[in-house]
């Protein structure tokens, strides 16, 4: 039976919902990166220091340089794109 142009199809609704959900999640993450650009360091749990394996002495965390937090991945991407845009436009 030939399909008519006036019939409704359900084939595209699942793909559309997935794209909509991914868009909402991405915009939510980018908003979180704008509001709170730093996150706690996972290696030192935000303390800025770690115990060494041999002497058990306290050392500064190498991943966060002793600050206890570092930039989120999304914020690093935003900063990179902003820098790329600023270098490309003459002033």
Protein backbone atom coordinates (compact mmCIF):
# COMPACT_ATOMS: atom_id res chain seq x y z
CA UNK A 1 0.00 0.00 0.00
CA UNK A 2 1.51 3.37 -0.96
CA UNK A 3 2.03 5.88 1.82
CA UNK A 4 0.37 9.22 1.48
CA UNK A 5 1.95 12.55 2.33
CA UNK A 6 -0.67 13.30 4.99
CA UNK A 7 0.12 10.25 7.13
CA UNK A 8 2.08 10.69 10.33
CA UNK A 9 5.20 8.60 10.83
CA UNK A 10 6.89 7.68 14.10
CA UNK A 11 10.31 6.78 12.64
CA UNK A 12 11.99 10.16 13.19
CA UNK A 13 10.72 10.83 16.71
CA UNK A 14 13.29 8.61 18.50
CA UNK A 15 16.23 10.24 16.75
CA UNK A 16 14.76 13.67 17.40
CA UNK A 17 14.37 12.92 21.11
CA UNK A 18 17.98 11.71 21.38
CA UNK A 19 19.25 14.87 19.67
CA UNK A 20 17.07 17.03 21.93
CA UNK A 21 18.30 15.28 25.10
CA UNK A 22 21.95 15.54 24.01
CA UNK A 23 21.49 19.24 23.27
CA UNK A 24 19.97 19.88 26.69
CA UNK A 25 22.73 17.96 28.48
CA UNK A 26 25.46 19.78 26.52
CA UNK A 27 23.97 23.21 27.21
CA UNK A 28 23.60 22.31 30.89
CA UNK A 29 27.25 21.25 31.12
CA UNK A 30 28.45 24.40 29.35
CA UNK A 31 26.36 26.50 31.74
CA UNK A 32 27.93 24.67 34.69
CA UNK A 33 31.37 25.36 33.21
CA UNK A 34 30.57 29.05 32.96
CA UNK A 35 29.21 29.29 36.53
CA UNK A 36 31.77 27.05 38.25
CA UNK A 37 34.87 26.72 36.03
CA UNK A 38 36.98 24.90 38.64
CA UNK A 39 36.49 21.47 40.16
CA UNK A 40 38.21 19.63 42.98
CA UNK A 41 41.31 17.67 42.11
CA UNK A 42 40.52 13.96 42.12
CA UNK A 43 44.03 12.92 43.06
CA UNK A 44 44.33 14.92 46.30
CA UNK A 45 40.57 15.37 46.95
CA UNK A 46 40.95 19.14 46.99
CA UNK A 47 43.55 19.30 49.77
CA UNK A 48 46.50 20.25 47.56
CA UNK A 49 48.86 17.74 49.17
CA UNK A 50 49.49 14.02 48.87
CA UNK A 51 51.49 11.48 50.78
CA UNK A 52 54.55 10.08 49.04
CA UNK A 53 54.71 6.33 48.65
CA UNK A 54 58.15 5.74 50.18
CA UNK A 55 58.54 8.05 53.20
CA UNK A 56 54.83 8.89 53.66
CA UNK A 57 55.80 12.55 53.85
CA UNK A 58 53.34 15.20 52.68
CA UNK A 59 54.07 16.64 49.24
CA UNK A 60 52.21 19.08 47.04
CA UNK A 61 49.97 17.48 44.47
CA UNK A 62 51.53 17.51 41.00
CA UNK A 63 48.22 17.41 39.15
CA UNK A 64 46.81 20.63 40.67
CA UNK A 65 50.14 22.24 41.75
CA UNK A 66 48.94 22.38 45.36
CA UNK A 67 45.84 24.50 44.64
CA UNK A 68 43.35 21.70 45.25
CA UNK A 69 41.32 22.39 42.12
CA UNK A 70 41.75 22.75 38.37
CA UNK A 71 39.77 23.77 35.30
CA UNK A 72 36.99 21.56 34.04
CA UNK A 73 37.45 19.99 30.62
CA UNK A 74 34.57 22.01 29.17
CA UNK A 75 36.05 25.27 30.44
CA UNK A 76 39.42 24.40 28.88
CA UNK A 77 37.61 23.94 25.54
CA UNK A 78 35.74 27.24 25.95
CA UNK A 79 38.99 29.08 26.73
CA UNK A 80 40.69 27.48 23.73
CA UNK A 81 37.89 28.47 21.35
CA UNK A 82 37.81 32.01 22.76
CA UNK A 83 41.59 32.35 22.32
CA UNK A 84 41.35 30.96 18.78
CA UNK A 85 38.63 33.50 17.96
CA UNK A 86 40.60 36.40 19.44
CA UNK A 87 43.72 35.49 17.45
CA UNK A 88 41.75 35.23 14.22
CA UNK A 89 40.06 38.62 14.37
CA UNK A 90 42.27 41.67 13.68
CA UNK A 91 41.80 44.68 15.91
